Amino acid sequence: MTKLNEEFAFLVLAIVAEIPRGKVATYGQIAELAGYPRNSRLVGKVLRRGEYYGRYPCQRVVNAQGSCAKNWPQQPALLQAEGVVFRENGSVDLRQCRWNGDR
C-alpha cells in the first residue's frame, strides 16, 4: 500500500472510530468527512481490511440506502445489539440512526 493509501485508510478508520453506539454513517458520508467526497467505494475497500489495522466499529457503516454489507451476515445483528433501528424492508432507519458527523 502506498503512503497516500495508508494515510487515507487511517483517516477513514479514525472517522469510523468516532461513530457512537446506536448510530451509523454511510460510505459516502465517511468519504466526505475525510475530504474525498467521490471515494465512497474506496472507503468500502478500507473497511473490508479494517481488521488489518486493529479493532474498529466497521459494522456502523452502511450504504446510502441503509443496507448492510451483503457479504457480512453478522452486521445486522451487531447493529441491533447496539440499538440501531431497522425498517420493515431490512435496512437501517437512517432518519433515526444516522450519525450527524459531529467531530
N, C-alpha and C. Protein backbone atom coordinates (compact mmCIF):
# COMPACT_ATOMS: atom_id res chain seq x y z
N MET A 1 0.83 -1.17 0.00
CA MET A 1 0.00 0.00 0.00
C MET A 1 0.89 1.24 0.00
N THR A 2 0.55 2.22 -0.80
CA THR A 2 1.35 3.44 -0.84
C THR A 2 1.11 4.28 0.41
N LYS A 3 1.98 5.23 0.63
CA LYS A 3 1.85 6.09 1.81
C LYS A 3 0.52 6.84 1.77
N LEU A 4 0.11 7.34 0.61
CA LEU A 4 -1.16 8.05 0.48
C LEU A 4 -2.32 7.13 0.85
N ASN A 5 -2.29 5.88 0.37
CA ASN A 5 -3.35 4.94 0.70
C ASN A 5 -3.37 4.64 2.19
N GLU A 6 -2.21 4.49 2.81
CA GLU A 6 -2.13 4.26 4.25
C GLU A 6 -2.73 5.44 5.00
N GLU A 7 -2.38 6.64 4.60
CA GLU A 7 -2.92 7.84 5.25
C GLU A 7 -4.43 7.90 5.10
N PHE A 8 -4.93 7.60 3.91
CA PHE A 8 -6.38 7.60 3.69
C PHE A 8 -7.04 6.54 4.56
N ALA A 9 -6.45 5.37 4.64
CA ALA A 9 -7.02 4.29 5.44
C ALA A 9 -7.11 4.69 6.91
N PHE A 10 -6.05 5.26 7.45
CA PHE A 10 -6.08 5.67 8.85
C PHE A 10 -7.04 6.83 9.09
N LEU A 11 -7.19 7.71 8.11
CA LEU A 11 -8.16 8.80 8.22
C LEU A 11 -9.57 8.23 8.26
N VAL A 12 -9.88 7.32 7.36
CA VAL A 12 -11.20 6.67 7.32
C VAL A 12 -11.47 5.96 8.65
N LEU A 13 -10.52 5.19 9.12
CA LEU A 13 -10.71 4.44 10.36
C LEU A 13 -10.84 5.35 11.57
N ALA A 14 -10.15 6.48 11.56
CA ALA A 14 -10.28 7.44 12.65
C ALA A 14 -11.69 8.02 12.69
N ILE A 15 -12.26 8.27 11.52
CA ILE A 15 -13.63 8.78 11.45
C ILE A 15 -14.61 7.70 11.91
N VAL A 16 -14.43 6.49 11.44
CA VAL A 16 -15.30 5.38 11.83
C VAL A 16 -15.26 5.17 13.35
N ALA A 17 -14.10 5.33 13.94
CA ALA A 17 -13.96 5.16 15.39
C ALA A 17 -14.80 6.16 16.17
N GLU A 18 -15.16 7.28 15.55
CA GLU A 18 -15.95 8.31 16.22
C GLU A 18 -17.45 8.06 16.17
N ILE A 19 -17.90 7.13 15.35
CA ILE A 19 -19.34 6.87 15.25
C ILE A 19 -19.80 6.22 16.56
N PRO A 20 -20.74 6.85 17.25
CA PRO A 20 -21.16 6.30 18.54
C PRO A 20 -22.06 5.06 18.40
N ARG A 21 -22.12 4.28 19.46
CA ARG A 21 -23.03 3.13 19.51
C ARG A 21 -24.45 3.61 19.20
N GLY A 22 -25.17 2.79 18.46
CA GLY A 22 -26.54 3.11 18.13
C GLY A 22 -26.71 4.03 16.94
N LYS A 23 -25.60 4.45 16.33
CA LYS A 23 -25.62 5.32 15.16
C LYS A 23 -24.87 4.66 14.02
N VAL A 24 -25.17 5.08 12.81
CA VAL A 24 -24.47 4.59 11.63
C VAL A 24 -24.09 5.77 10.74
N ALA A 25 -23.17 5.53 9.85
CA ALA A 25 -22.79 6.50 8.82
C ALA A 25 -22.77 5.75 7.50
N THR A 26 -22.84 6.48 6.41
CA THR A 26 -22.77 5.85 5.10
C THR A 26 -21.35 5.94 4.56
N TYR A 27 -21.05 5.09 3.58
CA TYR A 27 -19.73 5.13 2.95
C TYR A 27 -19.46 6.52 2.38
N GLY A 28 -20.46 7.09 1.73
CA GLY A 28 -20.31 8.42 1.14
C GLY A 28 -20.09 9.50 2.19
N GLN A 29 -20.77 9.37 3.32
CA GLN A 29 -20.59 10.32 4.41
C GLN A 29 -19.16 10.26 4.94
N ILE A 30 -18.63 9.06 5.10
CA ILE A 30 -17.25 8.90 5.57
C ILE A 30 -16.29 9.51 4.56
N ALA A 31 -16.51 9.25 3.28
CA ALA A 31 -15.64 9.81 2.24
C ALA A 31 -15.66 11.33 2.28
N GLU A 32 -16.84 11.90 2.45
CA GLU A 32 -16.96 13.35 2.50
C GLU A 32 -16.26 13.92 3.74
N LEU A 33 -16.45 13.30 4.89
CA LEU A 33 -15.77 13.76 6.11
C LEU A 33 -14.26 13.65 5.99
N ALA A 34 -13.79 12.68 5.22
CA ALA A 34 -12.35 12.50 5.01
C ALA A 34 -11.78 13.50 4.01
N GLY A 35 -12.67 14.22 3.31
CA GLY A 35 -12.21 15.18 2.32
C GLY A 35 -12.09 14.62 0.92
N TYR A 36 -12.65 13.42 0.71
CA TYR A 36 -12.62 12.75 -0.59
C TYR A 36 -14.03 12.34 -0.97
N PRO A 37 -14.90 13.31 -1.28
CA PRO A 37 -16.32 13.02 -1.45
C PRO A 37 -16.68 12.05 -2.58
N ARG A 38 -15.80 11.80 -3.49
CA ARG A 38 -16.10 10.88 -4.60
C ARG A 38 -15.48 9.50 -4.40
N ASN A 39 -15.09 9.18 -3.19
CA ASN A 39 -14.37 7.94 -2.95
C ASN A 39 -15.07 6.99 -1.98
N SER A 40 -16.39 6.90 -2.05
CA SER A 40 -17.12 6.02 -1.14
C SER A 40 -16.74 4.55 -1.37
N ARG A 41 -16.46 4.17 -2.59
CA ARG A 41 -16.05 2.78 -2.84
C ARG A 41 -14.71 2.48 -2.20
N LEU A 42 -13.83 3.45 -2.20
CA LEU A 42 -12.53 3.26 -1.57
C LEU A 42 -12.70 3.12 -0.05
N VAL A 43 -13.67 3.83 0.51
CA VAL A 43 -13.98 3.67 1.94
C VAL A 43 -14.36 2.22 2.21
N GLY A 44 -15.20 1.66 1.34
CA GLY A 44 -15.60 0.26 1.48
C GLY A 44 -14.41 -0.68 1.43
N LYS A 45 -13.47 -0.41 0.55
CA LYS A 45 -12.27 -1.25 0.46
C LYS A 45 -11.45 -1.17 1.73
N VAL A 46 -11.33 0.02 2.29
CA VAL A 46 -10.59 0.18 3.55
C VAL A 46 -11.27 -0.63 4.64
N LEU A 47 -12.59 -0.51 4.74
CA LEU A 47 -13.31 -1.18 5.82
C LEU A 47 -13.26 -2.70 5.69
N ARG A 48 -13.20 -3.20 4.46
CA ARG A 48 -13.07 -4.65 4.28
C ARG A 48 -11.75 -5.17 4.85
N ARG A 49 -10.78 -4.28 4.96
CA ARG A 49 -9.47 -4.67 5.50
C ARG A 49 -9.24 -4.06 6.88
N GLY A 50 -10.30 -3.59 7.51
CA GLY A 50 -10.18 -2.90 8.79
C GLY A 50 -9.47 -3.68 9.87
N GLU A 51 -9.68 -5.00 9.91
CA GLU A 51 -9.04 -5.80 10.96
C GLU A 51 -7.52 -5.80 10.83
N TYR A 52 -7.02 -5.48 9.65
CA TYR A 52 -5.57 -5.38 9.43
C TYR A 52 -4.97 -4.26 10.28
N TYR A 53 -5.78 -3.22 10.55
CA TYR A 53 -5.31 -2.05 11.27
C TYR A 53 -5.63 -2.09 12.77
N GLY A 54 -6.52 -2.96 13.18
CA GLY A 54 -6.93 -3.01 14.58
C GLY A 54 -8.43 -3.18 14.68
N ARG A 55 -8.97 -2.90 15.85
CA ARG A 55 -10.40 -3.06 16.08
C ARG A 55 -11.12 -1.73 15.90
N TYR A 56 -12.02 -1.69 14.93
CA TYR A 56 -12.81 -0.51 14.63
C TYR A 56 -14.27 -0.93 14.46
N PRO A 57 -15.21 -0.05 14.77
CA PRO A 57 -16.63 -0.41 14.65
C PRO A 57 -17.13 -0.31 13.21
N CYS A 58 -16.53 -1.09 12.33
CA CYS A 58 -16.87 -1.04 10.91
C CYS A 58 -18.33 -1.43 10.65
N GLN A 59 -18.95 -2.15 11.60
CA GLN A 59 -20.34 -2.54 11.43
C GLN A 59 -21.25 -1.31 11.39
N ARG A 60 -20.78 -0.17 11.83
CA ARG A 60 -21.58 1.04 11.89
C ARG A 60 -21.61 1.82 10.58
N VAL A 61 -21.09 1.23 9.51
CA VAL A 61 -21.10 1.89 8.20
C VAL A 61 -21.97 1.06 7.25
N VAL A 62 -22.93 1.74 6.63
CA VAL A 62 -23.89 1.10 5.71
C VAL A 62 -23.92 1.90 4.41
N ASN A 63 -24.64 1.38 3.43
CA ASN A 63 -24.71 2.12 2.17
C ASN A 63 -25.74 3.25 2.26
N ALA A 64 -25.86 4.04 1.22
CA ALA A 64 -26.70 5.23 1.22
C ALA A 64 -28.18 4.93 1.44
N GLN A 65 -28.61 3.70 1.19
CA GLN A 65 -29.99 3.31 1.42
C GLN A 65 -30.19 2.69 2.80
N GLY A 66 -29.11 2.57 3.55
CA GLY A 66 -29.18 1.97 4.88
C GLY A 66 -29.01 0.46 4.88
N SER A 67 -28.62 -0.10 3.76
CA SER A 67 -28.44 -1.55 3.66
C SER A 67 -27.09 -1.97 4.20
N CYS A 68 -27.08 -3.12 4.82
CA CYS A 68 -25.84 -3.70 5.35
C CYS A 68 -25.05 -4.36 4.23
N ALA A 69 -23.80 -4.66 4.51
CA ALA A 69 -22.92 -5.32 3.53
C ALA A 69 -23.45 -6.72 3.22
N LYS A 70 -23.56 -7.05 1.95
CA LYS A 70 -24.11 -8.34 1.53
C LYS A 70 -23.24 -9.52 1.97
N ASN A 71 -21.96 -9.32 2.05
CA ASN A 71 -21.04 -10.41 2.40
C ASN A 71 -20.71 -10.45 3.88
N TRP A 72 -21.54 -9.80 4.71
CA TRP A 72 -21.30 -9.77 6.15
C TRP A 72 -22.62 -10.04 6.87
N PRO A 73 -23.02 -11.30 6.94
CA PRO A 73 -24.34 -11.62 7.52
C PRO A 73 -24.48 -11.27 9.00
N GLN A 74 -23.39 -11.09 9.72
CA GLN A 74 -23.44 -10.75 11.14
C GLN A 74 -23.71 -9.25 11.38
N GLN A 75 -23.53 -8.42 10.37
CA GLN A 75 -23.64 -6.97 10.56
C GLN A 75 -24.99 -6.54 11.13
N PRO A 76 -26.13 -7.00 10.62
CA PRO A 76 -27.41 -6.56 11.20
C PRO A 76 -27.54 -6.90 12.68
N ALA A 77 -27.12 -8.08 13.08
CA ALA A 77 -27.21 -8.47 14.49
C ALA A 77 -26.31 -7.60 15.36
N LEU A 78 -25.12 -7.27 14.86
CA LEU A 78 -24.22 -6.40 15.61
C LEU A 78 -24.85 -5.02 15.82
N LEU A 79 -25.48 -4.50 14.77
CA LEU A 79 -26.13 -3.20 14.86
C LEU A 79 -27.35 -3.24 15.78
N GLN A 80 -28.15 -4.28 15.66
CA GLN A 80 -29.33 -4.41 16.52
C GLN A 80 -28.92 -4.48 17.98
N ALA A 81 -27.83 -5.16 18.28
CA ALA A 81 -27.34 -5.26 19.65
C ALA A 81 -26.93 -3.89 20.21
N GLU A 82 -26.62 -2.95 19.32
CA GLU A 82 -26.25 -1.60 19.74
C GLU A 82 -27.45 -0.66 19.78
N GLY A 83 -28.62 -1.17 19.40
CA GLY A 83 -29.82 -0.34 19.44
C GLY A 83 -30.17 0.35 18.14
N VAL A 84 -29.52 -0.02 17.06
CA VAL A 84 -29.83 0.57 15.76
C VAL A 84 -31.20 0.05 15.31
N VAL A 85 -32.02 0.97 14.82
CA VAL A 85 -33.39 0.65 14.41
C VAL A 85 -33.41 0.30 12.93
N PHE A 86 -34.09 -0.80 12.60
CA PHE A 86 -34.24 -1.23 11.22
C PHE A 86 -35.68 -1.00 10.75
N ARG A 87 -35.83 -0.75 9.47
CA ARG A 87 -37.16 -0.59 8.86
C ARG A 87 -37.68 -1.96 8.45
N GLU A 88 -38.93 -2.02 8.07
CA GLU A 88 -39.56 -3.28 7.67
C GLU A 88 -38.84 -3.94 6.50
N ASN A 89 -38.23 -3.13 5.63
CA ASN A 89 -37.56 -3.70 4.45
C ASN A 89 -36.16 -4.24 4.78
N GLY A 90 -35.74 -4.17 6.05
CA GLY A 90 -34.46 -4.71 6.46
C GLY A 90 -33.31 -3.73 6.44
N SER A 91 -33.56 -2.50 6.02
CA SER A 91 -32.49 -1.50 6.01
C SER A 91 -32.53 -0.69 7.30
N VAL A 92 -31.42 -0.08 7.62
CA VAL A 92 -31.33 0.77 8.80
C VAL A 92 -32.20 2.00 8.59
N ASP A 93 -32.89 2.41 9.63
CA ASP A 93 -33.68 3.64 9.58
C ASP A 93 -32.72 4.82 9.73
N LEU A 94 -32.28 5.36 8.60
CA LEU A 94 -31.29 6.43 8.61
C LEU A 94 -31.82 7.71 9.24
N ARG A 95 -33.12 7.93 9.19
CA ARG A 95 -33.68 9.13 9.82
C ARG A 95 -33.45 9.11 11.32
N GLN A 96 -33.53 7.94 11.91
CA GLN A 96 -33.36 7.82 13.36
C GLN A 96 -31.92 7.59 13.78
N CYS A 97 -31.18 6.87 12.95
CA CYS A 97 -29.88 6.35 13.40
C CYS A 97 -28.66 6.91 12.70
N ARG A 98 -28.86 7.80 11.77
CA ARG A 98 -27.69 8.33 11.05
C ARG A 98 -26.92 9.30 11.96
N TRP A 99 -25.63 9.07 12.04
CA TRP A 99 -24.73 9.93 12.79
C TRP A 99 -24.60 11.26 12.06
N ASN A 100 -24.62 12.35 12.79
CA ASN A 100 -24.54 13.66 12.13
C ASN A 100 -23.11 14.08 11.80
N GLY A 101 -22.14 13.30 12.20
CA GLY A 101 -20.76 13.58 11.84
C GLY A 101 -20.06 14.59 12.71
N ASP A 102 -20.69 14.97 13.82
CA ASP A 102 -20.02 15.90 14.73
C ASP A 102 -18.70 15.29 15.19
N ARG A 103 -17.64 16.07 15.04
CA ARG A 103 -16.32 15.58 15.40
C ARG A 103 -15.71 16.46 16.44
